[in-house]
């Protein structure tokens, strides 16, 4: 469960440091990662660049909080789209059900190491 560290955080830090995260040898030598940065689109780096400005643990928690908030937003939007009553318990209940799905579980686990 080191995806946040290896795929999101340290590649963004490398860009901010002026290094090329796609250069595997340099990236592995400069940062405490287990594997080289895969050939993801550069937009991945751009999207996660703000996390690279934070210390690692703070960025990790911020990413986890953002993902949790987005899951609750998804639950809210789903309830609204289905014309169901929107209550705090309904949003959190549907959010919990969404987290039980495999894709949401993997997204949440990507944030938690």
PDB file of N, CA and C in Angstrom:
ATOM      1  N   UNK A   1       0.815  -1.195   0.000  1.00  0.00           N
ATOM      2  CA  UNK A   1       0.000   0.000   0.000  1.00  0.00           C
ATOM      3  C   UNK A   1       0.860   1.262   0.000  1.00  0.00           C
ATOM      4  N   UNK A   2       1.806   1.289  -0.866  1.00  0.00           N
ATOM      5  CA  UNK A   2       2.703   2.433  -0.943  1.00  0.00           C
ATOM      6  C   UNK A   2       2.439   3.276  -2.181  1.00  0.00           C
ATOM      7  N   UNK A   3       1.248   3.158  -2.738  1.00  0.00           N
ATOM      8  CA  UNK A   3       0.933   3.882  -3.967  1.00  0.00           C
ATOM      9  C   UNK A   3       1.024   5.390  -3.791  1.00  0.00           C
ATOM     10  N   UNK A   4       0.505   5.912  -2.704  1.00  0.00           N
ATOM     11  CA  UNK A   4       0.564   7.362  -2.519  1.00  0.00           C
ATOM     12  C   UNK A   4       2.010   7.845  -2.524  1.00  0.00           C
ATOM     13  N   UNK A   5       2.843   7.148  -1.770  1.00  0.00           N
ATOM     14  CA  UNK A   5       4.248   7.547  -1.657  1.00  0.00           C
ATOM     15  C   UNK A   5       4.980   7.434  -3.001  1.00  0.00           C
ATOM     16  N   UNK A   6       4.848   6.270  -3.663  1.00  0.00           N
ATOM     17  CA  UNK A   6       5.639   5.978  -4.856  1.00  0.00           C
ATOM     18  C   UNK A   6       5.060   6.555  -6.146  1.00  0.00           C
ATOM     19  N   UNK A   7       3.742   6.666  -6.228  1.00  0.00           N
ATOM     20  CA  UNK A   7       3.102   7.062  -7.487  1.00  0.00           C
ATOM     21  C   UNK A   7       2.631   8.513  -7.477  1.00  0.00           C
ATOM     22  N   UNK A   8       2.312   9.042  -6.313  1.00  0.00           N
ATOM     23  CA  UNK A   8       1.738  10.381  -6.270  1.00  0.00           C
ATOM     24  C   UNK A   8       2.642  11.411  -5.594  1.00  0.00           C
ATOM     25  N   UNK A   9       3.105  11.104  -4.397  1.00  0.00           N
ATOM     26  CA  UNK A   9       3.815  12.120  -3.615  1.00  0.00           C
ATOM     27  C   UNK A   9       5.233  12.397  -4.126  1.00  0.00           C
ATOM     28  N   UNK A  10       6.092  11.382  -4.113  1.00  0.00           N
ATOM     29  CA  UNK A  10       7.484  11.641  -4.472  1.00  0.00           C
ATOM     30  C   UNK A  10       7.693  12.007  -5.939  1.00  0.00           C
ATOM     31  N   UNK A  11       6.891  11.520  -6.877  1.00  0.00           N
ATOM     32  CA  UNK A  11       7.021  12.065  -8.230  1.00  0.00           C
ATOM     33  C   UNK A  11       6.703  13.565  -8.292  1.00  0.00           C
ATOM     34  N   UNK A  12       5.696  14.002  -7.533  1.00  0.00           N
ATOM     35  CA  UNK A  12       5.381  15.435  -7.488  1.00  0.00           C
ATOM     36  C   UNK A  12       6.516  16.210  -6.832  1.00  0.00           C
ATOM     37  N   UNK A  13       7.092  15.654  -5.775  1.00  0.00           N
ATOM     38  CA  UNK A  13       8.232  16.298  -5.117  1.00  0.00           C
ATOM     39  C   UNK A  13       9.410  16.385  -6.081  1.00  0.00           C
ATOM     40  N   UNK A  14       9.618  15.341  -6.864  1.00  0.00           N
ATOM     41  CA  UNK A  14      10.716  15.345  -7.835  1.00  0.00           C
ATOM     42  C   UNK A  14      10.540  16.480  -8.847  1.00  0.00           C
ATOM     43  N   UNK A  15       9.320  16.657  -9.321  1.00  0.00           N
ATOM     44  CA  UNK A  15       9.055  17.750 -10.264  1.00  0.00           C
ATOM     45  C   UNK A  15       9.346  19.090  -9.602  1.00  0.00           C
ATOM     46  N   UNK A  16       8.903  19.253  -8.364  1.00  0.00           N
ATOM     47  CA  UNK A  16       9.153  20.507  -7.647  1.00  0.00           C
ATOM     48  C   UNK A  16      10.640  20.725  -7.385  1.00  0.00           C
ATOM     49  N   UNK A  17      11.398  19.622  -7.241  1.00  0.00           N
ATOM     50  CA  UNK A  17      12.846  19.711  -7.037  1.00  0.00           C
ATOM     51  C   UNK A  17      13.604  19.906  -8.348  1.00  0.00           C
ATOM     52  N   UNK A  18      12.878  19.885  -9.470  1.00  0.00           N
ATOM     53  CA  UNK A  18      13.529  20.047 -10.763  1.00  0.00           C
ATOM     54  C   UNK A  18      14.107  18.767 -11.327  1.00  0.00           C
ATOM     55  N   UNK A  19      13.692  17.620 -10.775  1.00  0.00           N
ATOM     56  CA  UNK A  19      14.175  16.321 -11.257  1.00  0.00           C
ATOM     57  C   UNK A  19      13.116  15.669 -12.137  1.00  0.00           C
ATOM     58  N   UNK A  20      13.553  14.758 -12.970  1.00  0.00           N
ATOM     59  CA  UNK A  20      12.651  14.025 -13.856  1.00  0.00           C
ATOM     60  C   UNK A  20      12.223  12.722 -13.180  1.00  0.00           C
ATOM     61  N   UNK A  21      10.958  12.595 -12.759  1.00  0.00           N
ATOM     62  CA  UNK A  21      10.538  11.357 -12.093  1.00  0.00           C
ATOM     63  C   UNK A  21      10.496  10.162 -13.038  1.00  0.00           C
ATOM     64  N   UNK A  22      10.510  10.404 -14.346  1.00  0.00           N
ATOM     65  CA  UNK A  22      10.500   9.317 -15.317  1.00  0.00           C
ATOM     66  C   UNK A  22      11.881   8.685 -15.496  1.00  0.00           C
ATOM     67  N   UNK A  23      12.922   9.341 -15.010  1.00  0.00           N
ATOM     68  CA  UNK A  23      14.277   8.786 -15.050  1.00  0.00           C
ATOM     69  C   UNK A  23      14.425   7.868 -13.840  1.00  0.00           C
ATOM     70  N   UNK A  24      14.248   6.574 -14.059  1.00  0.00           N
ATOM     71  CA  UNK A  24      14.150   5.601 -12.963  1.00  0.00           C
ATOM     72  C   UNK A  24      15.381   5.607 -12.057  1.00  0.00           C
ATOM     73  N   UNK A  25      16.550   5.612 -12.621  1.00  0.00           N
ATOM     74  CA  UNK A  25      17.767   5.536 -11.802  1.00  0.00           C
ATOM     75  C   UNK A  25      17.892   6.739 -10.875  1.00  0.00           C
ATOM     76  N   UNK A  26      17.697   7.922 -11.412  1.00  0.00           N
ATOM     77  CA  UNK A  26      17.789   9.142 -10.610  1.00  0.00           C
ATOM     78  C   UNK A  26      16.681   9.199  -9.571  1.00  0.00           C
ATOM     79  N   UNK A  27      15.469   8.825  -9.957  1.00  0.00           N
ATOM     80  CA  UNK A  27      14.323   8.874  -9.054  1.00  0.00           C
ATOM     81  C   UNK A  27      14.510   7.919  -7.880  1.00  0.00           C
ATOM     82  N   UNK A  28      14.929   6.679  -8.160  1.00  0.00           N
ATOM     83  CA  UNK A  28      15.118   5.690  -7.091  1.00  0.00           C
ATOM     84  C   UNK A  28      16.258   6.075  -6.156  1.00  0.00           C
ATOM     85  N   UNK A  29      17.279   6.722  -6.698  1.00  0.00           N
ATOM     86  CA  UNK A  29      18.419   7.125  -5.880  1.00  0.00           C
ATOM     87  C   UNK A  29      18.086   8.314  -4.979  1.00  0.00           C
ATOM     88  N   UNK A  30      17.252   9.218  -5.467  1.00  0.00           N
ATOM     89  CA  UNK A  30      17.001  10.466  -4.748  1.00  0.00           C
ATOM     90  C   UNK A  30      15.884  10.383  -3.716  1.00  0.00           C
ATOM     91  N   UNK A  31      14.963   9.435  -3.866  1.00  0.00           N
ATOM     92  CA  UNK A  31      13.777   9.417  -3.001  1.00  0.00           C
ATOM     93  C   UNK A  31      13.555   8.032  -2.390  1.00  0.00           C
ATOM     94  N   UNK A  32      12.960   7.996  -1.191  1.00  0.00           N
ATOM     95  CA  UNK A  32      12.742   6.709  -0.511  1.00  0.00           C
ATOM     96  C   UNK A  32      11.511   5.980  -1.056  1.00  0.00           C
ATOM     97  N   UNK A  33      11.626   5.469  -2.264  1.00  0.00           N
ATOM     98  CA  UNK A  33      10.527   4.751  -2.903  1.00  0.00           C
ATOM     99  C   UNK A  33      10.952   3.319  -3.172  1.00  0.00           C
ATOM    100  N   UNK A  34       9.955   2.436  -3.301  1.00  0.00           N
ATOM    101  CA  UNK A  34      10.236   1.024  -3.526  1.00  0.00           C
ATOM    102  C   UNK A  34      10.337   0.670  -5.005  1.00  0.00           C
ATOM    103  N   UNK A  35       9.737   1.487  -5.851  1.00  0.00           N
ATOM    104  CA  UNK A  35       9.746   1.177  -7.286  1.00  0.00           C
ATOM    105  C   UNK A  35       9.772   2.473  -8.083  1.00  0.00           C
ATOM    106  N   UNK A  36      10.234   2.390  -9.339  1.00  0.00           N
ATOM    107  CA  UNK A  36      10.301   3.607 -10.160  1.00  0.00           C
ATOM    108  C   UNK A  36       8.899   4.096 -10.533  1.00  0.00           C
ATOM    109  N   UNK A  37       8.838   5.351 -10.909  1.00  0.00           N
ATOM    110  CA  UNK A  37       7.585   5.963 -11.335  1.00  0.00           C
ATOM    111  C   UNK A  37       7.187   5.366 -12.676  1.00  0.00           C
ATOM    112  N   UNK A  38       6.003   4.809 -12.721  1.00  0.00           N
ATOM    113  CA  UNK A  38       5.491   4.196 -13.953  1.00  0.00           C
ATOM    114  C   UNK A  38       5.192   5.286 -14.983  1.00  0.00           C
ATOM    115  N   UNK A  39       5.067   4.921 -16.238  1.00  0.00           N
ATOM    116  CA  UNK A  39       4.819   5.942 -17.268  1.00  0.00           C
ATOM    117  C   UNK A  39       3.380   6.469 -17.262  1.00  0.00           C
ATOM    118  N   UNK A  40       2.994   7.083 -16.149  1.00  0.00           N
ATOM    119  CA  UNK A  40       1.694   7.734 -16.076  1.00  0.00           C
ATOM    120  C   UNK A  40       1.736   9.034 -16.871  1.00  0.00           C
ATOM    121  N   UNK A  41       0.580   9.512 -17.238  1.00  0.00           N
ATOM    122  CA  UNK A  41       0.498  10.777 -17.964  1.00  0.00           C
ATOM    123  C   UNK A  41       1.012  11.915 -17.083  1.00  0.00           C
ATOM    124  N   UNK A  42       1.612  12.918 -17.674  1.00  0.00           N
ATOM    125  CA  UNK A  42       2.097  14.065 -16.894  1.00  0.00           C
ATOM    126  C   UNK A  42       0.987  14.782 -16.125  1.00  0.00           C
ATOM    127  N   UNK A  43      -0.252  14.625 -16.549  1.00  0.00           N
ATOM    128  CA  UNK A  43      -1.346  15.256 -15.802  1.00  0.00           C
ATOM    129  C   UNK A  43      -1.465  14.682 -14.394  1.00  0.00           C
ATOM    130  N   UNK A  44      -1.033  13.441 -14.201  1.00  0.00           N
ATOM    131  CA  UNK A  44      -1.018  12.857 -12.856  1.00  0.00           C
ATOM    132  C   UNK A  44      -0.106  13.671 -11.952  1.00  0.00           C
ATOM    133  N   UNK A  45       1.024  14.047 -12.478  1.00  0.00           N
ATOM    134  CA  UNK A  45       1.958  14.873 -11.700  1.00  0.00           C
ATOM    135  C   UNK A  45       1.359  16.244 -11.414  1.00  0.00           C
ATOM    136  N   UNK A  46       0.750  16.830 -12.423  1.00  0.00           N
ATOM    137  CA  UNK A  46       0.158  18.156 -12.265  1.00  0.00           C
ATOM    138  C   UNK A  46      -0.966  18.144 -11.230  1.00  0.00           C
ATOM    139  N   UNK A  47      -1.797  17.129 -11.284  1.00  0.00           N
ATOM    140  CA  UNK A  47      -2.930  17.018 -10.359  1.00  0.00           C
ATOM    141  C   UNK A  47      -2.465  16.862  -8.913  1.00  0.00           C
ATOM    142  N   UNK A  48      -1.377  16.168  -8.699  1.00  0.00           N
ATOM    143  CA  UNK A  48      -0.906  15.904  -7.339  1.00  0.00           C
ATOM    144  C   UNK A  48       0.228  16.823  -6.894  1.00  0.00           C
ATOM    145  N   UNK A  49       0.553  17.801  -7.702  1.00  0.00           N
ATOM    146  CA  UNK A  49       1.612  18.743  -7.364  1.00  0.00           C
ATOM    147  C   UNK A  49       1.394  19.468  -6.025  1.00  0.00           C
ATOM    148  N   UNK A  50       0.155  19.884  -5.698  1.00  0.00           N
ATOM    149  CA  UNK A  50      -0.033  20.547  -4.395  1.00  0.00           C
ATOM    150  C   UNK A  50       0.356  19.677  -3.202  1.00  0.00           C
ATOM    151  N   UNK A  51       0.196  18.365  -3.317  1.00  0.00           N
ATOM    152  CA  UNK A  51       0.588  17.485  -2.208  1.00  0.00           C
ATOM    153  C   UNK A  51       2.105  17.477  -2.030  1.00  0.00           C
ATOM    154  N   UNK A  52       2.838  17.682  -3.103  1.00  0.00           N
ATOM    155  CA  UNK A  52       4.292  17.723  -3.025  1.00  0.00           C
ATOM    156  C   UNK A  52       4.827  18.924  -2.269  1.00  0.00           C
ATOM    157  N   UNK A  53       3.997  19.922  -2.069  1.00  0.00           N
ATOM    158  CA  UNK A  53       4.409  21.108  -1.304  1.00  0.00           C
ATOM    159  C   UNK A  53       4.347  20.876   0.199  1.00  0.00           C
ATOM    160  N   UNK A  54       3.660  19.824   0.604  1.00  0.00           N
ATOM    161  CA  UNK A  54       3.469  19.519   2.028  1.00  0.00           C
ATOM    162  C   UNK A  54       4.464  18.470   2.494  1.00  0.00           C
ATOM    163  N   UNK A  55       4.746  18.416   3.794  1.00  0.00           N
ATOM    164  CA  UNK A  55       5.533  17.301   4.324  1.00  0.00           C
ATOM    165  C   UNK A  55       4.784  15.985   4.073  1.00  0.00           C
ATOM    166  N   UNK A  56       5.531  14.897   3.994  1.00  0.00           N
ATOM    167  CA  UNK A  56       4.951  13.613   3.592  1.00  0.00           C
ATOM    168  C   UNK A  56       3.725  13.211   4.423  1.00  0.00           C
ATOM    169  N   UNK A  57       3.839  13.182   5.730  1.00  0.00           N
ATOM    170  CA  UNK A  57       2.713  12.727   6.578  1.00  0.00           C
ATOM    171  C   UNK A  57       1.500  13.649   6.447  1.00  0.00           C
ATOM    172  N   UNK A  58       1.735  14.929   6.369  1.00  0.00           N
ATOM    173  CA  UNK A  58       0.634  15.886   6.207  1.00  0.00           C
ATOM    174  C   UNK A  58      -0.036  15.662   4.854  1.00  0.00           C
ATOM    175  N   UNK A  59       0.771  15.477   3.815  1.00  0.00           N
ATOM    176  CA  UNK A  59       0.225  15.229   2.477  1.00  0.00           C
ATOM    177  C   UNK A  59      -0.564  13.936   2.442  1.00  0.00           C
ATOM    178  N   UNK A  60      -0.074  12.922   3.125  1.00  0.00           N
ATOM    179  CA  UNK A  60      -0.755  11.629   3.183  1.00  0.00           C
ATOM    180  C   UNK A  60      -2.149  11.778   3.808  1.00  0.00           C
ATOM    181  N   UNK A  61      -2.219  12.491   4.917  1.00  0.00           N
ATOM    182  CA  UNK A  61      -3.507  12.698   5.581  1.00  0.00           C
ATOM    183  C   UNK A  61      -4.421  13.614   4.760  1.00  0.00           C
ATOM    184  N   UNK A  62      -3.842  14.608   4.126  1.00  0.00           N
ATOM    185  CA  UNK A  62      -4.640  15.500   3.279  1.00  0.00           C
ATOM    186  C   UNK A  62      -5.241  14.733   2.102  1.00  0.00           C
ATOM    187  N   UNK A  63      -4.457  13.854   1.517  1.00  0.00           N
ATOM    188  CA  UNK A  63      -4.949  13.038   0.394  1.00  0.00           C
ATOM    189  C   UNK A  63      -6.058  12.094   0.864  1.00  0.00           C
ATOM    190  N   UNK A  64      -5.865  11.489   2.024  1.00  0.00           N
ATOM    191  CA  UNK A  64      -6.900  10.613   2.586  1.00  0.00           C
ATOM    192  C   UNK A  64      -8.175  11.407   2.869  1.00  0.00           C
ATOM    193  N   UNK A  65      -8.036  12.583   3.463  1.00  0.00           N
ATOM    194  CA  UNK A  65      -9.198  13.427   3.752  1.00  0.00           C
ATOM    195  C   UNK A  65      -9.906  13.873   2.485  1.00  0.00           C
ATOM    196  N   UNK A  66      -9.143  14.231   1.470  1.00  0.00           N
ATOM    197  CA  UNK A  66      -9.739  14.626   0.198  1.00  0.00           C
ATOM    198  C   UNK A  66     -10.530  13.471  -0.413  1.00  0.00           C
ATOM    199  N   UNK A  67      -9.950  12.277  -0.414  1.00  0.00           N
ATOM    200  CA  UNK A  67     -10.663  11.117  -0.956  1.00  0.00           C
ATOM    201  C   UNK A  67     -11.937  10.813  -0.174  1.00  0.00           C
ATOM    202  N   UNK A  68     -11.861  10.926   1.137  1.00  0.00           N
ATOM    203  CA  UNK A  68     -13.047  10.690   1.964  1.00  0.00           C
ATOM    204  C   UNK A  68     -14.119  11.721   1.656  1.00  0.00           C
ATOM    205  N   UNK A  69     -13.727  12.982   1.556  1.00  0.00           N
ATOM    206  CA  UNK A  69     -14.675  14.041   1.211  1.00  0.00           C
ATOM    207  C   UNK A  69     -15.297  13.830  -0.163  1.00  0.00           C
ATOM    208  N   UNK A  70     -14.504  13.391  -1.119  1.00  0.00           N
ATOM    209  CA  UNK A  70     -15.032  13.156  -2.467  1.00  0.00           C
ATOM    210  C   UNK A  70     -16.005  11.982  -2.501  1.00  0.00           C
ATOM    211  N   UNK A  71     -15.777  10.985  -1.661  1.00  0.00           N
ATOM    212  CA  UNK A  71     -16.728   9.864  -1.575  1.00  0.00           C
ATOM    213  C   UNK A  71     -18.051  10.351  -1.008  1.00  0.00           C
ATOM    214  N   UNK A  72     -17.996  11.215  -0.001  1.00  0.00           N
ATOM    215  CA  UNK A  72     -19.234  11.766   0.555  1.00  0.00           C
ATOM    216  C   UNK A  72     -19.928  12.678  -0.463  1.00  0.00           C
ATOM    217  N   UNK A  73     -19.159  13.421  -1.229  1.00  0.00           N
ATOM    218  CA  UNK A  73     -19.743  14.247  -2.291  1.00  0.00           C
ATOM    219  C   UNK A  73     -20.415  13.368  -3.342  1.00  0.00           C
ATOM    220  N   UNK A  74     -19.792  12.275  -3.705  1.00  0.00           N
ATOM    221  CA  UNK A  74     -20.395  11.336  -4.649  1.00  0.00           C
ATOM    222  C   UNK A  74     -21.706  10.782  -4.100  1.00  0.00           C
ATOM    223  N   UNK A  75     -21.732  10.437  -2.829  1.00  0.00           N
ATOM    224  CA  UNK A  75     -22.962   9.942  -2.213  1.00  0.00           C
ATOM    225  C   UNK A  75     -24.053  11.006  -2.263  1.00  0.00           C
ATOM    226  N   UNK A  76     -23.701  12.246  -1.959  1.00  0.00           N
ATOM    227  CA  UNK A  76     -24.659  13.352  -2.011  1.00  0.00           C
ATOM    228  C   UNK A  76     -25.229  13.521  -3.419  1.00  0.00           C
ATOM    229  N   UNK A  77     -24.349  13.513  -4.414  1.00  0.00           N
ATOM    230  CA  UNK A  77     -24.776  13.694  -5.814  1.00  0.00           C
ATOM    231  C   UNK A  77     -25.672  12.536  -6.242  1.00  0.00           C
ATOM    232  N   UNK A  78     -25.351  11.334  -5.841  1.00  0.00           N
ATOM    233  CA  UNK A  78     -26.181  10.168  -6.190  1.00  0.00           C
ATOM    234  C   UNK A  78     -27.576  10.279  -5.568  1.00  0.00           C
ATOM    235  N   UNK A  79     -27.629  10.658  -4.322  1.00  0.00           N
ATOM    236  CA  UNK A  79     -28.932  10.821  -3.666  1.00  0.00           C
ATOM    237  C   UNK A  79     -29.749  11.903  -4.355  1.00  0.00           C
ATOM    238  N   UNK A  80     -29.102  12.994  -4.687  1.00  0.00           N
ATOM    239  CA  UNK A  80     -29.789  14.096  -5.356  1.00  0.00           C
ATOM    240  C   UNK A  80     -30.276  13.690  -6.743  1.00  0.00           C
ATOM    241  N   UNK A  81     -29.447  12.969  -7.494  1.00  0.00           N
ATOM    242  CA  UNK A  81     -29.811  12.535  -8.844  1.00  0.00           C
ATOM    243  C   UNK A  81     -30.988  11.559  -8.821  1.00  0.00           C
ATOM    244  N   UNK A  82     -31.101  10.805  -7.749  1.00  0.00           N
ATOM    245  CA  UNK A  82     -32.197   9.834  -7.623  1.00  0.00           C
ATOM    246  C   UNK A  82     -33.424  10.431  -6.928  1.00  0.00           C
ATOM    247  N   UNK A  83     -33.385  11.726  -6.643  1.00  0.00           N
ATOM    248  CA  UNK A  83     -34.485  12.416  -5.954  1.00  0.00           C
ATOM    249  C   UNK A  83     -34.845  11.754  -4.626  1.00  0.00           C
ATOM    250  N   UNK A  84     -33.833  11.308  -3.905  1.00  0.00           N
ATOM    251  CA  UNK A  84     -34.035  10.721  -2.583  1.00  0.00           C
ATOM    252  C   UNK A  84     -33.771  11.788  -1.531  1.00  0.00           C
ATOM    253  N   UNK A  85     -34.339  11.621  -0.342  1.00  0.00           N
ATOM    254  CA  UNK A  85     -34.103  12.611   0.717  1.00  0.00           C
ATOM    255  C   UNK A  85     -32.610  12.687   1.068  1.00  0.00           C
ATOM    256  N   UNK A  86     -32.129  13.907   1.185  1.00  0.00           N
ATOM    257  CA  UNK A  86     -30.719  14.104   1.499  1.00  0.00           C
ATOM    258  C   UNK A  86     -30.602  14.492   2.970  1.00  0.00           C
ATOM    259  N   UNK A  87     -30.117  13.552   3.752  1.00  0.00           N
ATOM    260  CA  UNK A  87     -29.866  13.784   5.171  1.00  0.00           C
ATOM    261  C   UNK A  87     -28.415  13.402   5.453  1.00  0.00           C
ATOM    262  N   UNK A  88     -27.925  13.831   6.587  1.00  0.00           N
ATOM    263  CA  UNK A  88     -26.553  13.496   6.961  1.00  0.00           C
ATOM    264  C   UNK A  88     -26.394  11.980   7.045  1.00  0.00           C
ATOM    265  N   UNK A  89     -27.372  11.317   7.660  1.00  0.00           N
ATOM    266  CA  UNK A  89     -27.265   9.864   7.794  1.00  0.00           C
ATOM    267  C   UNK A  89     -27.352   9.172   6.439  1.00  0.00           C
ATOM    268  N   UNK A  90     -28.146   9.695   5.522  1.00  0.00           N
ATOM    269  CA  UNK A  90     -28.249   9.098   4.191  1.00  0.00           C
ATOM    270  C   UNK A  90     -26.934   9.260   3.431  1.00  0.00           C
ATOM    271  N   UNK A  91     -26.326  10.447   3.517  1.00  0.00           N
ATOM    272  CA  UNK A  91     -25.063  10.691   2.818  1.00  0.00           C
ATOM    273  C   UNK A  91     -23.962   9.799   3.391  1.00  0.00           C
ATOM    274  N   UNK A  92     -23.854   9.734   4.713  1.00  0.00           N
ATOM    275  CA  UNK A  92     -22.823   8.902   5.320  1.00  0.00           C
ATOM    276  C   UNK A  92     -23.109   7.414   5.120  1.00  0.00           C
ATOM    277  N   UNK A  93     -24.379   7.028   5.144  1.00  0.00           N
ATOM    278  CA  UNK A  93     -24.739   5.632   4.908  1.00  0.00           C
ATOM    279  C   UNK A  93     -24.396   5.200   3.490  1.00  0.00           C
ATOM    280  N   UNK A  94     -24.759   6.012   2.504  1.00  0.00           N
ATOM    281  CA  UNK A  94     -24.421   5.682   1.132  1.00  0.00           C
ATOM    282  C   UNK A  94     -22.909   5.757   0.930  1.00  0.00           C
ATOM    283  N   UNK A  95     -22.263   6.717   1.563  1.00  0.00           N
ATOM    284  CA  UNK A  95     -20.798   6.793   1.491  1.00  0.00           C
ATOM    285  C   UNK A  95     -20.147   5.523   2.025  1.00  0.00           C
ATOM    286  N   UNK A  96     -20.691   4.984   3.119  1.00  0.00           N
ATOM    287  CA  UNK A  96     -20.166   3.728   3.666  1.00  0.00           C
ATOM    288  C   UNK A  96     -20.382   2.582   2.686  1.00  0.00           C
ATOM    289  N   UNK A  97     -21.532   2.549   2.044  1.00  0.00           N
ATOM    290  CA  UNK A  97     -21.793   1.502   1.047  1.00  0.00           C
ATOM    291  C   UNK A  97     -20.861   1.636  -0.156  1.00  0.00           C
ATOM    292  N   UNK A  98     -20.609   2.866  -0.566  1.00  0.00           N
ATOM    293  CA  UNK A  98     -19.670   3.087  -1.672  1.00  0.00           C
ATOM    294  C   UNK A  98     -18.283   2.584  -1.285  1.00  0.00           C
ATOM    295  N   UNK A  99     -17.874   2.842  -0.041  1.00  0.00           N
ATOM    296  CA  UNK A  99     -16.556   2.371   0.412  1.00  0.00           C
ATOM    297  C   UNK A  99     -16.450   0.851   0.450  1.00  0.00           C
ATOM    298  N   UNK A 100     -17.582   0.180   0.537  1.00  0.00           N
ATOM    299  CA  UNK A 100     -17.557  -1.284   0.521  1.00  0.00           C
ATOM    300  C   UNK A 100     -17.268  -1.836  -0.874  1.00  0.00           C
ATOM    301  N   UNK A 101     -17.419  -1.002  -1.898  1.00  0.00           N
ATOM    302  CA  UNK A 101     -17.117  -1.463  -3.251  1.00  0.00           C
ATOM    303  C   UNK A 101     -15.609  -1.577  -3.422  1.00  0.00           C
ATOM    304  N   UNK A 102     -15.181  -2.451  -4.281  1.00  0.00           N
ATOM    305  CA  UNK A 102     -13.748  -2.672  -4.484  1.00  0.00           C
ATOM    306  C   UNK A 102     -13.026  -1.424  -5.021  1.00  0.00           C
ATOM    307  N   UNK A 103     -13.565  -0.721  -6.027  1.00  0.00           N
ATOM    308  CA  UNK A 103     -12.857   0.469  -6.509  1.00  0.00           C
ATOM    309  C   UNK A 103     -12.679   1.539  -5.433  1.00  0.00           C
ATOM    310  N   UNK A 104     -13.715   1.787  -4.646  1.00  0.00           N
ATOM    311  CA  UNK A 104     -13.594   2.802  -3.594  1.00  0.00           C
ATOM    312  C   UNK A 104     -12.637   2.338  -2.500  1.00  0.00           C
ATOM    313  N   UNK A 105     -12.684   1.060  -2.195  1.00  0.00           N
ATOM    314  CA  UNK A 105     -11.767   0.511  -1.184  1.00  0.00           C
ATOM    315  C   UNK A 105     -10.315   0.696  -1.623  1.00  0.00           C
ATOM    316  N   UNK A 106     -10.037   0.401  -2.888  1.00  0.00           N
ATOM    317  CA  UNK A 106      -8.664   0.545  -3.382  1.00  0.00           C
ATOM    318  C   UNK A 106      -8.239   2.019  -3.420  1.00  0.00           C
ATOM    319  N   UNK A 107      -9.167   2.916  -3.739  1.00  0.00           N
ATOM    320  CA  UNK A 107      -8.846   4.336  -3.734  1.00  0.00           C
ATOM    321  C   UNK A 107      -8.544   4.802  -2.318  1.00  0.00           C
ATOM    322  N   UNK A 108      -9.342   4.369  -1.355  1.00  0.00           N
ATOM    323  CA  UNK A 108      -9.112   4.760   0.035  1.00  0.00           C
ATOM    324  C   UNK A 108      -7.809   4.164   0.553  1.00  0.00           C
ATOM    325  N   UNK A 109      -7.522   2.928   0.169  1.00  0.00           N
ATOM    326  CA  UNK A 109      -6.301   2.289   0.629  1.00  0.00           C
ATOM    327  C   UNK A 109      -5.065   2.885  -0.026  1.00  0.00           C
ATOM    328  N   UNK A 110      -5.220   3.461  -1.217  1.00  0.00           N
ATOM    329  CA  UNK A 110      -4.099   4.126  -1.870  1.00  0.00           C
ATOM    330  C   UNK A 110      -3.652   5.308  -1.016  1.00  0.00           C
ATOM    331  N   UNK A 111      -4.602   5.915  -0.320  1.00  0.00           N
ATOM    332  CA  UNK A 111      -4.278   7.069   0.520  1.00  0.00           C
ATOM    333  C   UNK A 111      -3.678   6.651   1.840  1.00  0.00           C
ATOM    334  N   UNK A 112      -4.080   5.513   2.351  1.00  0.00           N
ATOM    335  CA  UNK A 112      -3.630   5.079   3.675  1.00  0.00           C
ATOM    336  C   UNK A 112      -2.477   4.099   3.527  1.00  0.00           C
ATOM    337  N   UNK A 113      -1.381   4.401   4.176  1.00  0.00           N
ATOM    338  CA  UNK A 113      -0.250   3.477   4.112  1.00  0.00           C
ATOM    339  C   UNK A 113       0.062   2.957   5.482  1.00  0.00           C
TER     340      UNK A 113
END
